[in-house]
Amino acid sequence: MRKLWLCLFYALCVFTIVFSLFWMALPRLPPGRADSAEETPVPSLPSISVQAVPETGSTTYYLCDEGGRVVVWQCDADGTPVQRVLRTGIYVNLLPEGDALRVKQGLRLPSETELRQLLEDLGG
């Protein structure tokens, strides 16, 4: 009887290891678009940070969290995000707390050079 219990225990251990390896090898599914749109609505009014930026006539960009990743939007003249430019591979939950909070609140950048510099700093 002791051998039976020992064999069952080893079988359970092997099953657990195989199942966990299989689970880790599964590909990650992309988040649904409808869910991410409900989680992070795009604000319609420009924030105070946009009002403080002088008008230069160049394109402004808006960074936000969409589906757990950093997404770049292009803004029109009044600062409203109109077109998604880039969905980066930068996961917001892996950023430092201060950067993650800024991205979740929405971050506006007045130029493409500042956008590139910030994306490089964030890890993209």
Protein backbone atom coordinates (compact mmCIF):
# COMPACT_ATOMS: atom_id res chain seq x y z
CA MET A 1 0.00 0.00 0.00
CA ARG A 2 2.91 2.31 0.75
CA LYS A 3 4.30 1.87 -2.77
CA LEU A 4 0.93 2.83 -4.25
CA TRP A 5 0.82 6.11 -2.31
CA LEU A 6 4.41 6.85 -3.24
CA CYS A 7 3.67 6.25 -6.94
CA LEU A 8 0.58 8.48 -6.76
CA PHE A 9 2.61 11.22 -5.09
CA TYR A 10 5.32 11.05 -7.78
CA ALA A 11 2.68 11.04 -10.52
CA LEU A 12 1.11 14.15 -9.02
CA CYS A 13 4.51 15.86 -8.86
CA VAL A 14 5.28 15.02 -12.49
CA PHE A 15 1.84 16.22 -13.58
CA THR A 16 2.31 19.51 -11.71
CA ILE A 17 5.71 20.14 -13.29
CA VAL A 18 4.51 19.30 -16.81
CA PHE A 19 1.40 21.44 -16.42
CA SER A 20 3.37 24.45 -15.13
CA LEU A 21 5.89 24.18 -17.99
CA PHE A 22 3.04 23.95 -20.49
CA TRP A 23 1.33 26.98 -18.91
CA MET A 24 4.53 29.06 -19.11
CA ALA A 25 5.05 28.11 -22.76
CA LEU A 26 1.62 29.33 -23.86
CA PRO A 27 1.74 32.52 -25.97
CA ARG A 28 0.26 35.63 -24.42
CA LEU A 29 -3.05 36.69 -25.91
CA PRO A 30 -3.35 40.35 -26.95
CA PRO A 31 -5.89 42.32 -24.92
CA GLY A 32 -9.22 43.03 -26.59
CA ARG A 33 -9.73 46.45 -28.12
CA ALA A 34 -13.17 47.00 -26.57
CA ASP A 35 -11.88 46.33 -23.05
CA SER A 36 -8.87 48.63 -23.38
CA ALA A 37 -11.02 51.45 -24.76
CA GLU A 38 -13.32 51.19 -21.75
CA GLU A 39 -10.39 51.14 -19.31
CA THR A 40 -8.58 54.22 -20.60
CA PRO A 41 -10.87 56.80 -22.16
CA VAL A 42 -9.14 59.49 -24.19
CA PRO A 43 -9.81 62.87 -22.57
CA SER A 44 -11.49 65.41 -24.77
CA LEU A 45 -10.13 68.53 -23.06
CA PRO A 46 -6.45 69.45 -22.97
CA SER A 47 -4.80 69.30 -19.57
CA ILE A 48 -3.07 72.14 -17.76
CA SER A 49 0.32 70.95 -19.02
CA VAL A 50 -0.79 71.59 -22.61
CA GLN A 51 -1.98 75.09 -21.76
CA ALA A 52 1.46 75.91 -20.34
CA VAL A 53 3.26 74.83 -23.53
CA PRO A 54 3.69 77.67 -26.01
CA GLU A 55 2.24 77.17 -29.49
CA THR A 56 5.02 76.32 -31.91
CA GLY A 57 2.97 75.08 -34.83
CA SER A 58 4.55 71.62 -34.61
CA THR A 59 2.73 68.40 -33.89
CA THR A 60 2.05 67.52 -30.25
CA TYR A 61 1.88 63.96 -28.96
CA TYR A 62 -0.09 62.32 -26.18
CA LEU A 63 1.17 59.24 -24.29
CA CYS A 64 -1.29 57.09 -22.37
CA ASP A 65 -1.88 53.61 -21.02
CA GLU A 66 -3.97 51.41 -23.29
CA GLY A 67 -4.27 47.73 -22.53
CA GLY A 68 -1.32 47.88 -20.15
CA ARG A 69 1.08 49.28 -22.76
CA VAL A 70 2.29 52.78 -23.60
CA VAL A 71 0.46 54.18 -26.64
CA VAL A 72 1.37 57.33 -28.59
CA TRP A 73 -1.38 59.51 -30.06
CA GLN A 74 -0.97 62.47 -32.41
CA CYS A 75 -2.89 65.58 -31.34
CA ASP A 76 -4.61 68.22 -33.43
CA ALA A 77 -4.17 71.99 -33.01
CA ASP A 78 -6.25 72.25 -29.82
CA GLY A 79 -4.43 69.32 -28.14
CA THR A 80 -7.09 66.65 -28.61
CA PRO A 81 -5.70 63.18 -29.44
CA VAL A 82 -7.00 62.23 -32.89
CA GLN A 83 -4.83 59.46 -34.36
CA ARG A 84 -2.95 56.59 -32.75
CA VAL A 85 0.60 56.68 -34.06
CA LEU A 86 2.36 53.90 -32.17
CA ARG A 87 1.59 51.11 -29.73
CA THR A 88 4.89 50.43 -28.03
CA GLY A 89 6.08 47.24 -26.41
CA ILE A 90 6.62 49.10 -23.14
CA TYR A 91 4.44 47.65 -20.38
CA VAL A 92 3.23 50.27 -17.91
CA ASN A 93 3.30 47.92 -14.92
CA LEU A 94 7.05 47.38 -15.46
CA LEU A 95 7.88 51.11 -15.34
CA PRO A 96 9.03 52.86 -12.17
CA GLU A 97 6.10 54.08 -10.08
CA GLY A 98 6.49 57.76 -10.97
CA ASP A 99 6.72 57.13 -14.71
CA ALA A 100 3.81 54.67 -14.63
CA LEU A 101 1.63 57.22 -12.83
CA ARG A 102 2.49 59.94 -15.36
CA VAL A 103 1.67 57.65 -18.30
CA LYS A 104 -1.61 56.47 -16.71
CA GLN A 105 -2.69 60.09 -16.18
CA GLY A 106 -1.74 60.97 -19.75
CA LEU A 107 1.37 62.80 -20.82
CA ARG A 108 1.58 65.44 -23.55
CA LEU A 109 4.78 66.19 -25.42
CA PRO A 110 5.25 69.26 -27.65
CA SER A 111 7.71 67.79 -30.16
CA GLU A 112 8.82 64.57 -31.80
CA THR A 113 12.34 64.89 -30.38
CA GLU A 114 10.98 64.98 -26.83
CA LEU A 115 8.74 62.02 -27.69
CA ARG A 116 11.69 59.99 -28.96
CA GLN A 117 13.79 60.92 -25.94
CA LEU A 118 11.05 59.94 -23.49
CA LEU A 119 10.37 56.63 -25.26
CA GLU A 120 14.10 55.89 -25.16
CA ASP A 121 14.18 56.70 -21.44
CA LEU A 122 11.17 54.47 -20.79
CA GLY A 123 12.82 51.58 -22.57
CA GLY A 124 11.37 51.59 -26.07
